[in-house]
Amino acid sequence: MTKVRQRSIAGMVFIVSAFCIFVYFYPLLKVQARVFFVDDAQVEVDFDQLVSDSSEQNYFKQPLAQYSAALLAMNPQLDEVRCRMTLSGDVICEGKRKKPAALIALPDLYGLSSRGELIPFSDCDGASDLLVITGIRLDKSTPYTVMMSDDIRVALRVCITIKSDFPGLYGAISEIDMSSPEGPVLYMRYSDSRVIVGRGEYKSKLRRLGAIMAYGNLPSGAEIDLRFGRSVVAKRLT
């Protein structure tokens, strides 16, 4: 490569670098609009009051991470907020609401996120088919706050395991009861039967329950106990 060509390339690099620095520090490209959507519905937000440097108009200097953090702090019902720039010069922030993985009766009915956060039932659209967790008492129930309870963690683990690994069982179970030492206890949706799960080895226990259910619904008034390894103890409650 000749020195002339090297100088030409160096000059081009310098010009491009200088232009990039110029447009970064000087608002040649300005922001046209800032908008916030929650589940695809626009929500009014005063971005100028959101963070200290939100008045910056330069396209390349928008505090997207700060916008996301501020909007998430202002809206505890949201699971996440992501902000991005469009080629037309708009700041688009999109939030997603927390979704319930189960319902919980405390005795008031709440949604329960996969992290153990309480969600007011009024914010739980389409939650009528979710499993209901019962038998848990809390001293305090604060919406959008993680409940520090071992029973809730166990019940959620069982619920999520059923839904993800045993979808065929999910529609057959209506309730996860944590009120007794032998819990979790599952109550069936279409019969007055119950299944004692106990603590630990949830996948293997639910797999055995799935095998039993594959032969038909549990008989009315039956109790199935899955706590004894490969042995399944069955008896009638009446």
Protein backbone atom coordinates (compact mmCIF):
# COMPACT_ATOMS: atom_id res chain seq x y z
CA MET A 1 0.00 0.00 0.00
CA THR A 2 1.45 3.34 -1.03
CA LYS A 3 1.86 6.25 1.35
CA VAL A 4 -0.65 8.27 -0.66
CA ARG A 5 -3.29 5.58 -0.23
CA GLN A 6 -2.48 5.26 3.46
CA ARG A 7 -2.92 9.00 3.88
CA SER A 8 -6.23 8.89 2.00
CA ILE A 9 -7.57 6.13 4.23
CA ALA A 10 -6.35 7.93 7.35
CA GLY A 11 -8.02 11.10 6.14
CA MET A 12 -11.32 9.31 5.53
CA VAL A 13 -11.19 7.72 8.98
CA PHE A 14 -10.51 11.13 10.53
CA ILE A 15 -13.42 12.73 8.67
CA VAL A 16 -15.86 9.95 9.62
CA SER A 17 -14.70 10.03 13.25
CA ALA A 18 -15.02 13.79 13.40
CA PHE A 19 -18.52 13.61 11.94
CA CYS A 20 -19.57 10.95 14.48
CA ILE A 21 -18.23 13.07 17.33
CA PHE A 22 -20.01 16.10 15.91
CA VAL A 23 -23.44 14.46 15.65
CA TYR A 24 -23.00 12.94 19.13
CA PHE A 25 -22.35 16.25 20.86
CA TYR A 26 -24.42 18.49 18.59
CA PRO A 27 -28.15 17.67 18.17
CA LEU A 28 -28.07 17.39 14.41
CA LEU A 29 -30.55 14.49 14.74
CA LYS A 30 -33.21 15.35 17.30
CA VAL A 31 -35.78 13.29 19.14
CA GLN A 32 -39.24 13.66 17.62
CA ALA A 33 -41.36 12.04 20.33
CA ARG A 34 -41.23 9.94 23.48
CA VAL A 35 -44.02 7.44 24.10
CA PHE A 36 -44.77 4.72 26.65
CA PHE A 37 -46.85 1.61 25.98
CA VAL A 38 -48.08 -0.99 28.47
CA ASP A 39 -49.23 -4.20 26.81
CA ASP A 40 -49.60 -2.28 23.52
CA ALA A 41 -51.81 0.46 25.07
CA GLN A 42 -50.30 3.95 25.23
CA VAL A 43 -49.90 5.47 28.69
CA GLU A 44 -49.35 9.18 29.27
CA VAL A 45 -45.98 9.95 30.88
CA ASP A 46 -44.19 13.27 31.37
CA PHE A 47 -40.73 12.25 30.16
CA ASP A 48 -39.35 15.70 30.99
CA GLN A 49 -39.96 14.94 34.66
CA LEU A 50 -38.88 11.32 34.49
CA VAL A 51 -35.10 11.61 34.82
CA SER A 52 -32.75 14.55 35.29
CA ASP A 53 -31.33 14.52 31.73
CA SER A 54 -34.55 13.72 29.86
CA SER A 55 -34.58 17.23 28.31
CA GLU A 56 -31.64 16.21 26.11
CA GLN A 57 -32.81 16.35 22.48
CA ASN A 58 -29.83 14.67 20.84
CA TYR A 59 -30.88 11.37 19.20
CA PHE A 60 -27.61 9.71 20.22
CA LYS A 61 -27.65 10.76 23.86
CA GLN A 62 -31.01 9.47 25.05
CA PRO A 63 -30.84 7.91 28.57
CA LEU A 64 -32.72 4.75 27.60
CA ALA A 65 -31.54 2.72 30.61
CA GLN A 66 -32.61 5.50 32.98
CA TYR A 67 -36.01 5.73 31.31
CA SER A 68 -36.51 2.00 31.76
CA ALA A 69 -35.46 2.06 35.43
CA ALA A 70 -37.61 5.10 36.25
CA LEU A 71 -40.73 3.74 34.54
CA LEU A 72 -40.30 0.37 36.25
CA ALA A 73 -39.94 2.06 39.67
CA MET A 74 -43.09 4.12 39.02
CA ASN A 75 -45.13 1.10 37.93
CA PRO A 76 -44.68 -1.85 40.32
CA GLN A 77 -47.33 -3.79 38.37
CA LEU A 78 -44.88 -4.12 35.47
CA ASP A 79 -42.52 -7.03 35.04
CA GLU A 80 -40.15 -5.22 32.68
CA VAL A 81 -39.74 -2.01 30.69
CA ARG A 82 -37.58 -1.74 27.57
CA CYS A 83 -36.79 1.48 25.76
CA ARG A 84 -35.46 1.85 22.21
CA MET A 85 -34.93 4.41 19.48
CA THR A 86 -36.61 4.27 16.08
CA LEU A 87 -35.09 5.44 12.80
CA SER A 88 -37.71 8.18 12.68
CA GLY A 89 -36.32 9.68 15.91
CA ASP A 90 -38.85 8.41 18.46
CA VAL A 91 -38.12 7.02 21.91
CA ILE A 92 -40.38 3.99 22.40
CA CYS A 93 -40.69 2.50 25.89
CA GLU A 94 -42.68 -0.72 26.26
CA GLY A 95 -43.80 -2.27 29.53
CA LYS A 96 -45.18 -5.74 30.21
CA ARG A 97 -47.47 -6.42 33.15
CA LYS A 98 -46.70 -9.12 35.67
CA LYS A 99 -48.60 -12.28 34.86
CA PRO A 100 -49.96 -14.67 37.49
CA ALA A 101 -48.65 -18.23 37.48
CA ALA A 102 -51.33 -19.22 40.01
CA LEU A 103 -54.03 -17.79 42.25
CA ILE A 104 -53.76 -17.74 46.03
CA ALA A 105 -56.50 -17.38 48.66
CA LEU A 106 -55.27 -15.43 51.71
CA PRO A 107 -58.38 -15.54 52.18
CA ASP A 108 -58.80 -12.65 49.68
CA LEU A 109 -57.96 -13.88 46.21
CA TYR A 110 -54.73 -12.67 44.60
CA GLY A 111 -52.66 -13.62 41.61
CA LEU A 112 -49.19 -14.98 42.31
CA SER A 113 -46.32 -14.37 39.90
CA SER A 114 -43.65 -16.99 39.23
CA ARG A 115 -41.37 -15.06 41.61
CA GLY A 116 -43.92 -15.12 44.44
CA GLU A 117 -45.24 -11.56 44.03
CA LEU A 118 -48.86 -10.86 44.92
CA ILE A 119 -50.93 -9.39 42.10
CA PRO A 120 -54.38 -7.89 42.81
CA PHE A 121 -57.03 -10.12 41.32
CA SER A 122 -58.40 -7.15 39.37
CA ASP A 123 -55.13 -7.15 37.40
CA CYS A 124 -55.29 -10.89 36.63
CA ASP A 125 -57.04 -10.98 33.28
CA GLY A 126 -57.94 -14.45 32.09
CA ALA A 127 -56.86 -16.11 35.34
CA SER A 128 -59.97 -18.21 35.94
CA ASP A 129 -58.27 -21.40 34.74
CA LEU A 130 -55.22 -21.05 36.99
CA LEU A 131 -54.60 -23.40 39.91
CA VAL A 132 -55.60 -22.01 43.31
CA ILE A 133 -53.18 -22.24 46.25
CA THR A 134 -54.91 -22.52 49.63
CA GLY A 135 -54.01 -23.20 53.24
CA ILE A 136 -51.40 -20.41 53.60
CA ARG A 137 -51.68 -17.60 56.14
CA LEU A 138 -49.58 -14.46 55.96
CA ASP A 139 -49.17 -11.72 58.55
CA LYS A 140 -49.06 -9.12 55.79
CA SER A 141 -50.06 -9.21 52.13
CA THR A 142 -48.62 -6.34 50.08
CA PRO A 143 -49.43 -6.22 46.36
CA TYR A 144 -46.48 -6.48 43.94
CA THR A 145 -44.20 -7.63 46.74
CA VAL A 146 -42.44 -11.00 46.95
CA MET A 147 -43.92 -13.02 49.80
CA MET A 148 -41.18 -14.63 51.88
CA SER A 149 -42.89 -17.94 52.58
CA ASP A 150 -41.52 -21.47 52.20
CA ASP A 151 -45.05 -22.80 51.63
CA ILE A 152 -45.59 -20.34 48.77
CA ARG A 153 -42.28 -21.33 47.17
CA VAL A 154 -43.16 -25.04 47.40
CA ALA A 155 -46.69 -24.52 46.04
CA LEU A 156 -45.38 -22.41 43.17
CA ARG A 157 -42.76 -24.99 42.31
CA VAL A 158 -45.41 -27.71 42.15
CA CYS A 159 -47.74 -25.50 40.10
CA ILE A 160 -45.06 -24.51 37.59
CA THR A 161 -43.82 -28.12 37.32
CA ILE A 162 -47.34 -29.34 36.55
CA LYS A 163 -47.90 -26.66 33.92
CA SER A 164 -44.53 -27.00 32.17
CA ASP A 165 -43.85 -30.75 32.42
CA PHE A 166 -47.28 -32.33 32.82
CA PRO A 167 -49.77 -30.23 30.83
CA GLY A 168 -52.14 -33.18 30.66
CA LEU A 169 -52.54 -33.00 34.45
CA TYR A 170 -52.94 -29.25 34.59
CA GLY A 171 -56.56 -29.18 33.50
CA ALA A 172 -57.50 -31.96 35.90
CA ILE A 173 -56.26 -30.22 39.08
CA SER A 174 -58.03 -27.28 40.68
CA GLU A 175 -56.30 -26.66 44.01
CA ILE A 176 -52.97 -27.01 45.80
CA ASP A 177 -53.62 -27.17 49.54
CA MET A 178 -50.74 -26.34 51.91
CA SER A 179 -52.68 -26.42 55.18
CA SER A 180 -51.43 -29.77 56.49
CA PRO A 181 -47.94 -31.21 57.20
CA GLU A 182 -48.50 -33.79 54.46
CA GLY A 183 -48.92 -31.06 51.86
CA PRO A 184 -48.86 -30.20 49.08
CA VAL A 185 -52.22 -31.89 48.59
CA LEU A 186 -53.85 -31.69 45.18
CA TYR A 187 -57.62 -31.54 44.74
CA MET A 188 -59.04 -32.65 41.44
CA ARG A 189 -61.24 -30.45 39.29
CA TYR A 190 -63.92 -32.94 38.33
CA SER A 191 -64.15 -35.19 41.41
CA ASP A 192 -63.95 -35.05 45.20
CA SER A 193 -60.68 -37.00 45.17
CA ARG A 194 -57.40 -35.71 46.52
CA VAL A 195 -53.72 -36.54 45.96
CA ILE A 196 -51.13 -36.28 48.74
CA VAL A 197 -47.84 -35.18 47.19
CA GLY A 198 -45.67 -34.36 50.22
CA ARG A 199 -42.34 -32.56 49.98
CA GLY A 200 -39.67 -33.22 47.35
CA GLU A 201 -39.29 -35.37 44.21
CA TYR A 202 -42.16 -33.55 42.55
CA LYS A 203 -41.45 -34.63 38.98
CA SER A 204 -41.32 -38.32 39.77
CA LYS A 205 -44.46 -38.11 41.92
CA LEU A 206 -46.38 -36.19 39.28
CA ARG A 207 -45.20 -38.64 36.64
CA ARG A 208 -46.78 -41.47 38.65
CA LEU A 209 -49.96 -39.44 39.02
CA GLY A 210 -49.98 -38.87 35.28
CA ALA A 211 -49.72 -42.60 34.69
CA ILE A 212 -52.69 -43.20 37.00
CA MET A 213 -54.74 -40.49 35.27
CA ALA A 214 -53.90 -41.95 31.87
CA TYR A 215 -56.17 -44.89 32.73
CA GLY A 216 -59.09 -42.60 33.46
CA ASN A 217 -60.26 -40.16 36.13
CA LEU A 218 -59.71 -40.96 39.77
CA PRO A 219 -62.67 -42.72 41.38
CA SER A 220 -64.98 -40.51 43.41
CA GLY A 221 -63.92 -40.04 47.02
CA ALA A 222 -60.44 -41.49 46.53
CA GLU A 223 -57.21 -40.49 48.24
CA ILE A 224 -53.92 -41.16 46.43
CA ASP A 225 -50.74 -40.93 48.49
CA LEU A 226 -47.51 -40.47 46.50
CA ARG A 227 -45.08 -40.15 49.40
CA PHE A 228 -43.81 -43.74 49.45
CA GLY A 229 -41.36 -43.95 46.57
CA ARG A 230 -42.57 -46.15 43.75
CA SER A 231 -45.46 -47.41 45.85
CA VAL A 232 -48.77 -45.60 45.47
CA VAL A 233 -51.19 -45.92 48.39
CA ALA A 234 -54.85 -45.52 47.51
CA LYS A 235 -57.90 -45.56 49.74
CA ARG A 236 -61.45 -44.26 49.83
CA LEU A 237 -62.25 -41.24 51.92
CA THR A 238 -65.85 -42.35 52.51
